[in-house]
Amino acid sequence: MPFKRIDVTEAAEKVIKQLQGKHGKLIFHMSGGCCDGSAPMCFEEGDFLIGSRDIKLGSICGCDFYMSEDLFEYMKNTHITIDITEGRGSSFSLEIPLGVRFVAVSRLFTPEEESDLEPIVHNS
């Protein structure tokens, strides 16, 4: 079975489920650009336009997780775990009113993982 490129902590999963209860279907996106830089941002599905150069890394808690192609090129050798931390980010992400923000914790893939990774999906 291929190794996942993205995962989520239990604490972040609880926040995602709370947001799903309030907002319905969600997506995540990391741009590496403006606002919170490369912070993962959570949106109601349809409230954020996925671009033709965005890549779907996988999903967490039933939410598709996208990353800009440029950021993926920089992070393609890393596994990402989505977690939360207290404090307000300066983004439009849905968790901000809860007094927490999503963060991406990354580590390099092991050689074993790198040899059998889940495929990415280009959004074209």
PDB file of N, CA and C in Angstrom:
ATOM      1  N   MET A   1       0.849  -1.181   0.000  1.00  0.00           N
ATOM      2  CA  MET A   1       0.000   0.000   0.000  1.00  0.00           C
ATOM      3  C   MET A   1       0.891   1.238   0.000  1.00  0.00           C
ATOM      4  N   PRO A   2       0.630   2.179  -0.903  1.00  0.00           N
ATOM      5  CA  PRO A   2       1.462   3.385  -0.974  1.00  0.00           C
ATOM      6  C   PRO A   2       1.407   4.203   0.316  1.00  0.00           C
ATOM      7  N   PHE A   3       2.507   4.890   0.588  1.00  0.00           N
ATOM      8  CA  PHE A   3       2.587   5.770   1.749  1.00  0.00           C
ATOM      9  C   PHE A   3       1.881   7.085   1.444  1.00  0.00           C
ATOM     10  N   LYS A   4       1.168   7.591   2.448  1.00  0.00           N
ATOM     11  CA  LYS A   4       0.478   8.869   2.305  1.00  0.00           C
ATOM     12  C   LYS A   4       1.484  10.014   2.330  1.00  0.00           C
ATOM     13  N   ARG A   5       1.179  11.045   1.583  1.00  0.00           N
ATOM     14  CA  ARG A   5       2.000  12.259   1.576  1.00  0.00           C
ATOM     15  C   ARG A   5       1.571  13.222   2.676  1.00  0.00           C
ATOM     16  N   ILE A   6       0.337  13.033   3.169  1.00  0.00           N
ATOM     17  CA  ILE A   6      -0.218  13.970   4.139  1.00  0.00           C
ATOM     18  C   ILE A   6      -1.019  13.216   5.192  1.00  0.00           C
ATOM     19  N   ASP A   7      -0.956  13.704   6.419  1.00  0.00           N
ATOM     20  CA  ASP A   7      -1.671  13.089   7.532  1.00  0.00           C
ATOM     21  C   ASP A   7      -2.162  14.202   8.449  1.00  0.00           C
ATOM     22  N   VAL A   8      -2.855  13.815   9.519  1.00  0.00           N
ATOM     23  CA  VAL A   8      -3.445  14.798  10.425  1.00  0.00           C
ATOM     24  C   VAL A   8      -3.344  14.274  11.857  1.00  0.00           C
ATOM     25  N   THR A   9      -3.120  15.171  12.804  1.00  0.00           N
ATOM     26  CA  THR A   9      -3.087  14.770  14.207  1.00  0.00           C
ATOM     27  C   THR A   9      -4.515  14.636  14.727  1.00  0.00           C
ATOM     28  N   GLU A  10      -4.662  13.969  15.866  1.00  0.00           N
ATOM     29  CA  GLU A  10      -5.983  13.834  16.485  1.00  0.00           C
ATOM     30  C   GLU A  10      -6.561  15.199  16.849  1.00  0.00           C
ATOM     31  N   ALA A  11      -5.724  16.095  17.349  1.00  0.00           N
ATOM     32  CA  ALA A  11      -6.199  17.429  17.741  1.00  0.00           C
ATOM     33  C   ALA A  11      -6.730  18.188  16.526  1.00  0.00           C
ATOM     34  N   ALA A  12      -6.006  18.133  15.414  1.00  0.00           N
ATOM     35  CA  ALA A  12      -6.465  18.810  14.204  1.00  0.00           C
ATOM     36  C   ALA A  12      -7.714  18.138  13.649  1.00  0.00           C
ATOM     37  N   GLU A  13      -7.789  16.826  13.759  1.00  0.00           N
ATOM     38  CA  GLU A  13      -8.967  16.096  13.288  1.00  0.00           C
ATOM     39  C   GLU A  13     -10.228  16.556  14.030  1.00  0.00           C
ATOM     40  N   LYS A  14     -10.111  16.784  15.326  1.00  0.00           N
ATOM     41  CA  LYS A  14     -11.262  17.261  16.105  1.00  0.00           C
ATOM     42  C   LYS A  14     -11.739  18.622  15.597  1.00  0.00           C
ATOM     43  N   VAL A  15     -10.815  19.514  15.299  1.00  0.00           N
ATOM     44  CA  VAL A  15     -11.174  20.834  14.796  1.00  0.00           C
ATOM     45  C   VAL A  15     -11.810  20.710  13.408  1.00  0.00           C
ATOM     46  N   ILE A  16     -11.253  19.860  12.560  1.00  0.00           N
ATOM     47  CA  ILE A  16     -11.814  19.661  11.219  1.00  0.00           C
ATOM     48  C   ILE A  16     -13.247  19.155  11.317  1.00  0.00           C
ATOM     49  N   LYS A  17     -13.489  18.183  12.184  1.00  0.00           N
ATOM     50  CA  LYS A  17     -14.843  17.643  12.340  1.00  0.00           C
ATOM     51  C   LYS A  17     -15.809  18.716  12.852  1.00  0.00           C
ATOM     52  N   GLN A  18     -15.336  19.559  13.761  1.00  0.00           N
ATOM     53  CA  GLN A  18     -16.157  20.665  14.257  1.00  0.00           C
ATOM     54  C   GLN A  18     -16.502  21.614  13.103  1.00  0.00           C
ATOM     55  N   LEU A  19     -15.512  21.927  12.266  1.00  0.00           N
ATOM     56  CA  LEU A  19     -15.750  22.818  11.136  1.00  0.00           C
ATOM     57  C   LEU A  19     -16.673  22.177  10.102  1.00  0.00           C
ATOM     58  N   GLN A  20     -16.527  20.879   9.888  1.00  0.00           N
ATOM     59  CA  GLN A  20     -17.418  20.183   8.951  1.00  0.00           C
ATOM     60  C   GLN A  20     -18.861  20.223   9.451  1.00  0.00           C
ATOM     61  N   GLY A  21     -19.060  20.096  10.763  1.00  0.00           N
ATOM     62  CA  GLY A  21     -20.394  20.172  11.327  1.00  0.00           C
ATOM     63  C   GLY A  21     -21.047  21.519  11.090  1.00  0.00           C
ATOM     64  N   LYS A  22     -20.236  22.564  11.063  1.00  0.00           N
ATOM     65  CA  LYS A  22     -20.764  23.919  10.870  1.00  0.00           C
ATOM     66  C   LYS A  22     -20.834  24.315   9.396  1.00  0.00           C
ATOM     67  N   HIS A  23     -19.825  23.924   8.607  1.00  0.00           N
ATOM     68  CA  HIS A  23     -19.688  24.431   7.239  1.00  0.00           C
ATOM     69  C   HIS A  23     -19.931  23.394   6.142  1.00  0.00           C
ATOM     70  N   GLY A  24     -20.021  22.119   6.501  1.00  0.00           N
ATOM     71  CA  GLY A  24     -20.199  21.086   5.469  1.00  0.00           C
ATOM     72  C   GLY A  24     -18.880  20.652   4.868  1.00  0.00           C
ATOM     73  N   LYS A  25     -18.869  20.375   3.586  1.00  0.00           N
ATOM     74  CA  LYS A  25     -17.680  19.846   2.901  1.00  0.00           C
ATOM     75  C   LYS A  25     -16.592  20.914   2.824  1.00  0.00           C
ATOM     76  N   LEU A  26     -15.369  20.519   3.163  1.00  0.00           N
ATOM     77  CA  LEU A  26     -14.234  21.434   3.234  1.00  0.00           C
ATOM     78  C   LEU A  26     -13.111  21.003   2.304  1.00  0.00           C
ATOM     79  N   ILE A  27     -12.229  21.942   1.997  1.00  0.00           N
ATOM     80  CA  ILE A  27     -10.978  21.646   1.310  1.00  0.00           C
ATOM     81  C   ILE A  27      -9.851  22.365   2.050  1.00  0.00           C
ATOM     82  N   PHE A  28      -8.629  21.900   1.815  1.00  0.00           N
ATOM     83  CA  PHE A  28      -7.430  22.556   2.336  1.00  0.00           C
ATOM     84  C   PHE A  28      -6.553  22.970   1.163  1.00  0.00           C
ATOM     85  N   HIS A  29      -5.816  24.071   1.356  1.00  0.00           N
ATOM     86  CA  HIS A  29      -4.882  24.532   0.327  1.00  0.00           C
ATOM     87  C   HIS A  29      -3.667  25.169   1.000  1.00  0.00           C
ATOM     88  N   MET A  30      -2.494  24.878   0.454  1.00  0.00           N
ATOM     89  CA  MET A  30      -1.244  25.537   0.867  1.00  0.00           C
ATOM     90  C   MET A  30      -0.659  26.179  -0.381  1.00  0.00           C
ATOM     91  N   SER A  31      -0.402  27.484  -0.300  1.00  0.00           N
ATOM     92  CA  SER A  31       0.058  28.182  -1.500  1.00  0.00           C
ATOM     93  C   SER A  31       1.537  28.519  -1.496  1.00  0.00           C
ATOM     94  N   GLY A  32       2.074  28.767  -0.324  1.00  0.00           N
ATOM     95  CA  GLY A  32       3.455  29.238  -0.285  1.00  0.00           C
ATOM     96  C   GLY A  32       3.555  30.688  -0.725  1.00  0.00           C
ATOM     97  N   GLY A  33       2.425  31.385  -0.762  1.00  0.00           N
ATOM     98  CA  GLY A  33       2.408  32.759  -1.248  1.00  0.00           C
ATOM     99  C   GLY A  33       2.011  33.745  -0.187  1.00  0.00           C
ATOM    100  N   CYS A  34       0.994  34.531  -0.474  1.00  0.00           N
ATOM    101  CA  CYS A  34       0.597  35.637   0.397  1.00  0.00           C
ATOM    102  C   CYS A  34      -0.119  35.158   1.658  1.00  0.00           C
ATOM    103  N   CYS A  35      -0.628  36.094   2.398  1.00  0.00           N
ATOM    104  CA  CYS A  35      -1.373  35.860   3.649  1.00  0.00           C
ATOM    105  C   CYS A  35      -0.500  35.137   4.668  1.00  0.00           C
ATOM    106  N   ASP A  36      -0.823  33.901   4.978  1.00  0.00           N
ATOM    107  CA  ASP A  36      -0.035  33.149   5.956  1.00  0.00           C
ATOM    108  C   ASP A  36       1.102  32.363   5.311  1.00  0.00           C
ATOM    109  N   GLY A  37       1.531  32.748   4.129  1.00  0.00           N
ATOM    110  CA  GLY A  37       2.641  32.066   3.482  1.00  0.00           C
ATOM    111  C   GLY A  37       2.297  30.635   3.151  1.00  0.00           C
ATOM    112  N   SER A  38       2.998  29.699   3.742  1.00  0.00           N
ATOM    113  CA  SER A  38       2.753  28.292   3.432  1.00  0.00           C
ATOM    114  C   SER A  38       1.900  27.605   4.497  1.00  0.00           C
ATOM    115  N   ALA A  39       1.129  28.373   5.249  1.00  0.00           N
ATOM    116  CA  ALA A  39       0.229  27.773   6.237  1.00  0.00           C
ATOM    117  C   ALA A  39      -0.924  27.078   5.520  1.00  0.00           C
ATOM    118  N   PRO A  40      -1.343  25.911   6.007  1.00  0.00           N
ATOM    119  CA  PRO A  40      -2.510  25.262   5.409  1.00  0.00           C
ATOM    120  C   PRO A  40      -3.766  26.069   5.726  1.00  0.00           C
ATOM    121  N   MET A  41      -4.582  26.274   4.725  1.00  0.00           N
ATOM    122  CA  MET A  41      -5.797  27.063   4.904  1.00  0.00           C
ATOM    123  C   MET A  41      -7.000  26.194   4.578  1.00  0.00           C
ATOM    124  N   CYS A  42      -8.043  26.325   5.382  1.00  0.00           N
ATOM    125  CA  CYS A  42      -9.258  25.520   5.278  1.00  0.00           C
ATOM    126  C   CYS A  42     -10.405  26.392   4.781  1.00  0.00           C
ATOM    127  N   PHE A  43     -11.115  25.898   3.766  1.00  0.00           N
ATOM    128  CA  PHE A  43     -12.221  26.637   3.164  1.00  0.00           C
ATOM    129  C   PHE A  43     -13.405  25.710   2.958  1.00  0.00           C
ATOM    130  N   GLU A  44     -14.606  26.294   2.902  1.00  0.00           N
ATOM    131  CA  GLU A  44     -15.764  25.541   2.450  1.00  0.00           C
ATOM    132  C   GLU A  44     -15.523  25.202   0.988  1.00  0.00           C
ATOM    133  N   GLU A  45     -15.874  23.982   0.603  1.00  0.00           N
ATOM    134  CA  GLU A  45     -15.721  23.610  -0.798  1.00  0.00           C
ATOM    135  C   GLU A  45     -16.504  24.602  -1.658  1.00  0.00           C
ATOM    136  N   GLY A  46     -15.874  25.129  -2.682  1.00  0.00           N
ATOM    137  CA  GLY A  46     -16.494  26.105  -3.561  1.00  0.00           C
ATOM    138  C   GLY A  46     -16.143  27.544  -3.224  1.00  0.00           C
ATOM    139  N   ASP A  47     -15.615  27.790  -2.025  1.00  0.00           N
ATOM    140  CA  ASP A  47     -15.241  29.153  -1.635  1.00  0.00           C
ATOM    141  C   ASP A  47     -13.818  29.519  -2.043  1.00  0.00           C
ATOM    142  N   PHE A  48     -13.055  28.552  -2.510  1.00  0.00           N
ATOM    143  CA  PHE A  48     -11.682  28.802  -2.945  1.00  0.00           C
ATOM    144  C   PHE A  48     -11.509  28.132  -4.297  1.00  0.00           C
ATOM    145  N   LEU A  49     -11.055  28.885  -5.274  1.00  0.00           N
ATOM    146  CA  LEU A  49     -10.883  28.362  -6.613  1.00  0.00           C
ATOM    147  C   LEU A  49      -9.551  27.629  -6.722  1.00  0.00           C
ATOM    148  N   ILE A  50      -9.626  26.336  -6.971  1.00  0.00           N
ATOM    149  CA  ILE A  50      -8.404  25.538  -7.182  1.00  0.00           C
ATOM    150  C   ILE A  50      -7.894  25.856  -8.577  1.00  0.00           C
ATOM    151  N   GLY A  51      -6.616  26.215  -8.660  1.00  0.00           N
ATOM    152  CA  GLY A  51      -6.031  26.609  -9.935  1.00  0.00           C
ATOM    153  C   GLY A  51      -5.525  25.439 -10.755  1.00  0.00           C
ATOM    154  N   SER A  52      -5.269  25.704 -12.021  1.00  0.00           N
ATOM    155  CA  SER A  52      -4.794  24.661 -12.929  1.00  0.00           C
ATOM    156  C   SER A  52      -3.400  24.177 -12.567  1.00  0.00           C
ATOM    157  N   ARG A  53      -2.660  24.948 -11.791  1.00  0.00           N
ATOM    158  CA  ARG A  53      -1.313  24.545 -11.374  1.00  0.00           C
ATOM    159  C   ARG A  53      -1.282  23.993  -9.953  1.00  0.00           C
ATOM    160  N   ASP A  54      -2.448  23.791  -9.348  1.00  0.00           N
ATOM    161  CA  ASP A  54      -2.510  23.198  -8.013  1.00  0.00           C
ATOM    162  C   ASP A  54      -2.483  21.681  -8.126  1.00  0.00           C
ATOM    163  N   ILE A  55      -1.918  21.066  -7.107  1.00  0.00           N
ATOM    164  CA  ILE A  55      -1.754  19.619  -7.057  1.00  0.00           C
ATOM    165  C   ILE A  55      -2.506  19.083  -5.854  1.00  0.00           C
ATOM    166  N   LYS A  56      -3.247  18.001  -6.058  1.00  0.00           N
ATOM    167  CA  LYS A  56      -3.925  17.341  -4.943  1.00  0.00           C
ATOM    168  C   LYS A  56      -2.960  16.319  -4.351  1.00  0.00           C
ATOM    169  N   LEU A  57      -2.591  16.555  -3.078  1.00  0.00           N
ATOM    170  CA  LEU A  57      -1.662  15.654  -2.388  1.00  0.00           C
ATOM    171  C   LEU A  57      -2.357  14.423  -1.829  1.00  0.00           C
ATOM    172  N   GLY A  58      -3.633  14.552  -1.531  1.00  0.00           N
ATOM    173  CA  GLY A  58      -4.387  13.481  -0.887  1.00  0.00           C
ATOM    174  C   GLY A  58      -5.563  14.100  -0.161  1.00  0.00           C
ATOM    175  N   SER A  59      -5.995  13.433   0.899  1.00  0.00           N
ATOM    176  CA  SER A  59      -7.095  13.993   1.685  1.00  0.00           C
ATOM    177  C   SER A  59      -6.879  13.698   3.160  1.00  0.00           C
ATOM    178  N   ILE A  60      -7.458  14.558   3.989  1.00  0.00           N
ATOM    179  CA  ILE A  60      -7.453  14.368   5.435  1.00  0.00           C
ATOM    180  C   ILE A  60      -8.882  14.541   5.920  1.00  0.00           C
ATOM    181  N   CYS A  61      -9.357  13.612   6.694  1.00  0.00           N
ATOM    182  CA  CYS A  61     -10.720  13.671   7.251  1.00  0.00           C
ATOM    183  C   CYS A  61     -11.765  13.885   6.163  1.00  0.00           C
ATOM    184  N   GLY A  62     -11.544  13.306   4.996  1.00  0.00           N
ATOM    185  CA  GLY A  62     -12.488  13.455   3.901  1.00  0.00           C
ATOM    186  C   GLY A  62     -12.385  14.770   3.147  1.00  0.00           C
ATOM    187  N   CYS A  63     -11.381  15.575   3.468  1.00  0.00           N
ATOM    188  CA  CYS A  63     -11.185  16.876   2.815  1.00  0.00           C
ATOM    189  C   CYS A  63     -10.012  16.777   1.835  1.00  0.00           C
ATOM    190  N   ASP A  64     -10.249  17.130   0.579  1.00  0.00           N
ATOM    191  CA  ASP A  64      -9.151  17.158  -0.384  1.00  0.00           C
ATOM    192  C   ASP A  64      -8.138  18.201   0.046  1.00  0.00           C
ATOM    193  N   PHE A  65      -6.858  17.867  -0.142  1.00  0.00           N
ATOM    194  CA  PHE A  65      -5.770  18.742   0.272  1.00  0.00           C
ATOM    195  C   PHE A  65      -4.933  19.090  -0.955  1.00  0.00           C
ATOM    196  N   TYR A  66      -4.877  20.393  -1.271  1.00  0.00           N
ATOM    197  CA  TYR A  66      -4.167  20.874  -2.455  1.00  0.00           C
ATOM    198  C   TYR A  66      -2.960  21.724  -2.054  1.00  0.00           C
ATOM    199  N   MET A  67      -2.008  21.786  -2.981  1.00  0.00           N
ATOM    200  CA  MET A  67      -0.808  22.596  -2.788  1.00  0.00           C
ATOM    201  C   MET A  67      -0.450  23.199  -4.141  1.00  0.00           C
ATOM    202  N   SER A  68       0.076  24.418  -4.112  1.00  0.00           N
ATOM    203  CA  SER A  68       0.525  25.017  -5.369  1.00  0.00           C
ATOM    204  C   SER A  68       1.675  24.188  -5.929  1.00  0.00           C
ATOM    205  N   GLU A  69       1.763  24.166  -7.240  1.00  0.00           N
ATOM    206  CA  GLU A  69       2.808  23.379  -7.903  1.00  0.00           C
ATOM    207  C   GLU A  69       4.207  23.840  -7.489  1.00  0.00           C
ATOM    208  N   ASP A  70       4.392  25.149  -7.360  1.00  0.00           N
ATOM    209  CA  ASP A  70       5.699  25.679  -6.961  1.00  0.00           C
ATOM    210  C   ASP A  70       6.095  25.217  -5.563  1.00  0.00           C
ATOM    211  N   LEU A  71       5.146  25.257  -4.624  1.00  0.00           N
ATOM    212  CA  LEU A  71       5.438  24.802  -3.267  1.00  0.00           C
ATOM    213  C   LEU A  71       5.675  23.303  -3.252  1.00  0.00           C
ATOM    214  N   PHE A  72       4.904  22.554  -4.045  1.00  0.00           N
ATOM    215  CA  PHE A  72       5.110  21.108  -4.113  1.00  0.00           C
ATOM    216  C   PHE A  72       6.516  20.787  -4.596  1.00  0.00           C
ATOM    217  N   GLU A  73       7.005  21.495  -5.577  1.00  0.00           N
ATOM    218  CA  GLU A  73       8.355  21.245  -6.089  1.00  0.00           C
ATOM    219  C   GLU A  73       9.388  21.386  -4.969  1.00  0.00           C
ATOM    220  N   TYR A  74       9.162  22.342  -4.094  1.00  0.00           N
ATOM    221  CA  TYR A  74      10.056  22.571  -2.960  1.00  0.00           C
ATOM    222  C   TYR A  74       9.887  21.494  -1.886  1.00  0.00           C
ATOM    223  N   MET A  75       8.646  20.992  -1.707  1.00  0.00           N
ATOM    224  CA  MET A  75       8.340  20.074  -0.603  1.00  0.00           C
ATOM    225  C   MET A  75       8.071  18.636  -1.042  1.00  0.00           C
ATOM    226  N   LYS A  76       8.368  18.284  -2.273  1.00  0.00           N
ATOM    227  CA  LYS A  76       7.999  16.974  -2.793  1.00  0.00           C
ATOM    228  C   LYS A  76       8.652  15.804  -2.070  1.00  0.00           C
ATOM    229  N   ASN A  77       9.712  16.037  -1.350  1.00  0.00           N
ATOM    230  CA  ASN A  77      10.395  14.975  -0.613  1.00  0.00           C
ATOM    231  C   ASN A  77      10.011  14.933   0.861  1.00  0.00           C
ATOM    232  N   THR A  78       8.933  15.626   1.221  1.00  0.00           N
ATOM    233  CA  THR A  78       8.546  15.688   2.630  1.00  0.00           C
ATOM    234  C   THR A  78       7.143  15.160   2.865  1.00  0.00           C
ATOM    235  N   HIS A  79       6.992  14.544   4.012  1.00  0.00           N
ATOM    236  CA  HIS A  79       5.683  14.134   4.507  1.00  0.00           C
ATOM    237  C   HIS A  79       5.166  15.287   5.355  1.00  0.00           C
ATOM    238  N   ILE A  80       3.870  15.589   5.219  1.00  0.00           N
ATOM    239  CA  ILE A  80       3.275  16.702   5.946  1.00  0.00           C
ATOM    240  C   ILE A  80       2.220  16.168   6.908  1.00  0.00           C
ATOM    241  N   THR A  81       2.297  16.616   8.146  1.00  0.00           N
ATOM    242  CA  THR A  81       1.261  16.323   9.130  1.00  0.00           C
ATOM    243  C   THR A  81       0.600  17.635   9.510  1.00  0.00           C
ATOM    244  N   ILE A  82      -0.723  17.686   9.348  1.00  0.00           N
ATOM    245  CA  ILE A  82      -1.471  18.890   9.705  1.00  0.00           C
ATOM    246  C   ILE A  82      -1.818  18.814  11.187  1.00  0.00           C
ATOM    247  N   ASP A  83      -1.474  19.872  11.909  1.00  0.00           N
ATOM    248  CA  ASP A  83      -1.726  19.969  13.345  1.00  0.00           C
ATOM    249  C   ASP A  83      -2.379  21.328  13.602  1.00  0.00           C
ATOM    250  N   ILE A  84      -2.654  21.612  14.848  1.00  0.00           N
ATOM    251  CA  ILE A  84      -3.174  22.929  15.217  1.00  0.00           C
ATOM    252  C   ILE A  84      -2.307  23.515  16.317  1.00  0.00           C
ATOM    253  N   THR A  85      -2.387  24.811  16.453  1.00  0.00           N
ATOM    254  CA  THR A  85      -1.727  25.515  17.539  1.00  0.00           C
ATOM    255  C   THR A  85      -2.652  26.647  17.971  1.00  0.00           C
ATOM    256  N   GLU A  86      -2.531  27.041  19.218  1.00  0.00           N
ATOM    257  CA  GLU A  86      -3.343  28.151  19.705  1.00  0.00           C
ATOM    258  C   GLU A  86      -2.855  29.451  19.097  1.00  0.00           C
ATOM    259  N   GLY A  87      -3.768  30.371  18.939  1.00  0.00           N
ATOM    260  CA  GLY A  87      -3.426  31.681  18.393  1.00  0.00           C
ATOM    261  C   GLY A  87      -4.106  31.908  17.065  1.00  0.00           C
ATOM    262  N   ARG A  88      -4.276  33.168  16.760  1.00  0.00           N
ATOM    263  CA  ARG A  88      -4.935  33.531  15.507  1.00  0.00           C
ATOM    264  C   ARG A  88      -3.905  33.720  14.411  1.00  0.00           C
ATOM    265  N   GLY A  89      -4.149  33.082  13.287  1.00  0.00           N
ATOM    266  CA  GLY A  89      -3.357  33.364  12.103  1.00  0.00           C
ATOM    267  C   GLY A  89      -3.937  34.603  11.443  1.00  0.00           C
ATOM    268  N   SER A  90      -3.296  35.075  10.413  1.00  0.00           N
ATOM    269  CA  SER A  90      -3.791  36.269   9.723  1.00  0.00           C
ATOM    270  C   SER A  90      -4.409  35.893   8.387  1.00  0.00           C
ATOM    271  N   SER A  91      -5.100  34.763   8.360  1.00  0.00           N
ATOM    272  CA  SER A  91      -5.640  34.269   7.101  1.00  0.00           C
ATOM    273  C   SER A  91      -7.162  34.267   7.105  1.00  0.00           C
ATOM    274  N   PHE A  92      -7.714  33.754   6.027  1.00  0.00           N
ATOM    275  CA  PHE A  92      -9.157  33.618   5.866  1.00  0.00           C
ATOM    276  C   PHE A  92      -9.602  32.195   6.178  1.00  0.00           C
ATOM    277  N   SER A  93      -8.738  31.404   6.760  1.00  0.00           N
ATOM    278  CA  SER A  93      -9.029  30.007   7.058  1.00  0.00           C
ATOM    279  C   SER A  93     -10.136  29.889   8.103  1.00  0.00           C
ATOM    280  N   LEU A  94     -10.983  28.884   7.957  1.00  0.00           N
ATOM    281  CA  LEU A  94     -12.190  28.766   8.776  1.00  0.00           C
ATOM    282  C   LEU A  94     -11.952  28.559  10.271  1.00  0.00           C
ATOM    283  N   GLU A  95     -10.803  28.057  10.660  1.00  0.00           N
ATOM    284  CA  GLU A  95     -10.567  27.779  12.082  1.00  0.00           C
ATOM    285  C   GLU A  95     -10.195  29.020  12.889  1.00  0.00           C
ATOM    286  N   ILE A  96      -9.843  30.096  12.234  1.00  0.00           N
ATOM    287  CA  ILE A  96      -9.344  31.300  12.917  1.00  0.00           C
ATOM    288  C   ILE A  96     -10.288  31.798  14.016  1.00  0.00           C
ATOM    289  N   PRO A  97     -11.621  31.864  13.807  1.00  0.00           N
ATOM    290  CA  PRO A  97     -12.506  32.333  14.887  1.00  0.00           C
ATOM    291  C   PRO A  97     -12.504  31.432  16.131  1.00  0.00           C
ATOM    292  N   LEU A  98     -11.989  30.213  16.006  1.00  0.00           N
ATOM    293  CA  LEU A  98     -11.930  29.298  17.148  1.00  0.00           C
ATOM    294  C   LEU A  98     -10.722  29.569  18.043  1.00  0.00           C
ATOM    295  N   GLY A  99      -9.855  30.496  17.636  1.00  0.00           N
ATOM    296  CA  GLY A  99      -8.665  30.811  18.429  1.00  0.00           C
ATOM    297  C   GLY A  99      -7.518  29.853  18.204  1.00  0.00           C
ATOM    298  N   VAL A 100      -7.588  29.083  17.123  1.00  0.00           N
ATOM    299  CA  VAL A 100      -6.513  28.158  16.753  1.00  0.00           C
ATOM    300  C   VAL A 100      -6.210  28.360  15.269  1.00  0.00           C
ATOM    301  N   ARG A 101      -5.102  27.782  14.847  1.00  0.00           N
ATOM    302  CA  ARG A 101      -4.791  27.802  13.412  1.00  0.00           C
ATOM    303  C   ARG A 101      -4.100  26.498  13.043  1.00  0.00           C
ATOM    304  N   PHE A 102      -4.315  26.091  11.807  1.00  0.00           N
ATOM    305  CA  PHE A 102      -3.671  24.883  11.310  1.00  0.00           C
ATOM    306  C   PHE A 102      -2.217  25.184  10.986  1.00  0.00           C
ATOM    307  N   VAL A 103      -1.349  24.222  11.247  1.00  0.00           N
ATOM    308  CA  VAL A 103       0.063  24.322  10.901  1.00  0.00           C
ATOM    309  C   VAL A 103       0.480  23.031  10.205  1.00  0.00           C
ATOM    310  N   ALA A 104       1.488  23.148   9.370  1.00  0.00           N
ATOM    311  CA  ALA A 104       2.035  21.989   8.667  1.00  0.00           C
ATOM    312  C   ALA A 104       3.368  21.623   9.298  1.00  0.00           C
ATOM    313  N   VAL A 105       3.471  20.386   9.757  1.00  0.00           N
ATOM    314  CA  VAL A 105       4.720  19.866  10.318  1.00  0.00           C
ATOM    315  C   VAL A 105       5.284  18.897   9.292  1.00  0.00           C
ATOM    316  N   SER A 106       6.485  19.154   8.833  1.00  0.00           N
ATOM    317  CA  SER A 106       7.031  18.313   7.770  1.00  0.00           C
ATOM    318  C   SER A 106       8.296  17.592   8.207  1.00  0.00           C
ATOM    319  N   ARG A 107       8.521  16.480   7.537  1.00  0.00           N
ATOM    320  CA  ARG A 107       9.745  15.695   7.722  1.00  0.00           C
ATOM    321  C   ARG A 107      10.077  15.055   6.386  1.00  0.00           C
ATOM    322  N   LEU A 108      11.338  14.722   6.185  1.00  0.00           N
ATOM    323  CA  LEU A 108      11.731  14.052   4.950  1.00  0.00           C
ATOM    324  C   LEU A 108      11.181  12.631   4.921  1.00  0.00           C
ATOM    325  N   PHE A 109      10.793  12.176   3.727  1.00  0.00           N
ATOM    326  CA  PHE A 109      10.392  10.784   3.570  1.00  0.00           C
ATOM    327  C   PHE A 109      11.599   9.886   3.786  1.00  0.00           C
ATOM    328  N   THR A 110      11.359   8.706   4.336  1.00  0.00           N
ATOM    329  CA  THR A 110      12.412   7.696   4.417  1.00  0.00           C
ATOM    330  C   THR A 110      12.604   7.122   3.018  1.00  0.00           C
ATOM    331  N   PRO A 111      13.745   6.490   2.736  1.00  0.00           N
ATOM    332  CA  PRO A 111      13.922   5.859   1.421  1.00  0.00           C
ATOM    333  C   PRO A 111      12.824   4.837   1.118  1.00  0.00           C
ATOM    334  N   GLU A 112      12.384   4.090   2.123  1.00  0.00           N
ATOM    335  CA  GLU A 112      11.309   3.113   1.928  1.00  0.00           C
ATOM    336  C   GLU A 112      10.017   3.804   1.510  1.00  0.00           C
ATOM    337  N   GLU A 113       9.666   4.886   2.190  1.00  0.00           N
ATOM    338  CA  GLU A 113       8.454   5.630   1.850  1.00  0.00           C
ATOM    339  C   GLU A 113       8.551   6.222   0.449  1.00  0.00           C
ATOM    340  N   GLU A 114       9.713   6.805   0.154  1.00  0.00           N
ATOM    341  CA  GLU A 114       9.894   7.483  -1.126  1.00  0.00           C
ATOM    342  C   GLU A 114       9.768   6.531  -2.317  1.00  0.00           C
ATOM    343  N   SER A 115      10.051   5.262  -2.086  1.00  0.00           N
ATOM    344  CA  SER A 115       9.964   4.288  -3.173  1.00  0.00           C
ATOM    345  C   SER A 115       8.526   3.878  -3.484  1.00  0.00           C
ATOM    346  N   ASP A 116       7.554   4.233  -2.610  1.00  0.00           N
ATOM    347  CA  ASP A 116       6.170   3.818  -2.831  1.00  0.00           C
ATOM    348  C   ASP A 116       5.201   4.869  -2.270  1.00  0.00           C
ATOM    349  N   LEU A 117       5.160   6.045  -2.894  1.00  0.00           N
ATOM    350  CA  LEU A 117       4.303   7.131  -2.446  1.00  0.00           C
ATOM    351  C   LEU A 117       2.976   7.145  -3.201  1.00  0.00           C
ATOM    352  N   GLU A 118       1.924   7.631  -2.508  1.00  0.00           N
ATOM    353  CA  GLU A 118       0.653   7.843  -3.188  1.00  0.00           C
ATOM    354  C   GLU A 118       0.886   8.811  -4.339  1.00  0.00           C
ATOM    355  N   PRO A 119       0.231   8.592  -5.465  1.00  0.00           N
ATOM    356  CA  PRO A 119       0.403   9.520  -6.586  1.00  0.00           C
ATOM    357  C   PRO A 119      -0.260  10.860  -6.308  1.00  0.00           C
ATOM    358  N   ILE A 120       0.291  11.890  -6.902  1.00  0.00           N
ATOM    359  CA  ILE A 120      -0.337  13.209  -6.832  1.00  0.00           C
ATOM    360  C   ILE A 120      -1.285  13.340  -8.010  1.00  0.00           C
ATOM    361  N   VAL A 121      -2.208  14.299  -7.911  1.00  0.00           N
ATOM    362  CA  VAL A 121      -3.148  14.542  -8.996  1.00  0.00           C
ATOM    363  C   VAL A 121      -3.015  16.003  -9.407  1.00  0.00           C
ATOM    364  N   HIS A 122      -2.657  16.233 -10.668  1.00  0.00           N
ATOM    365  CA  HIS A 122      -2.588  17.596 -11.194  1.00  0.00           C
ATOM    366  C   HIS A 122      -3.998  18.061 -11.510  1.00  0.00           C
ATOM    367  N   ASN A 123      -4.331  19.274 -11.122  1.00  0.00           N
ATOM    368  CA  ASN A 123      -5.659  19.823 -11.339  1.00  0.00           C
ATOM    369  C   ASN A 123      -5.688  20.565 -12.664  1.00  0.00           C
ATOM    370  N   SER A 124      -5.870  19.830 -13.735  1.00  0.00           N
ATOM    371  CA  SER A 124      -5.873  20.493 -15.056  1.00  0.00           C
ATOM    372  C   SER A 124      -7.208  20.369 -15.735  1.00  0.00           C
TER     373      SER A 124
END
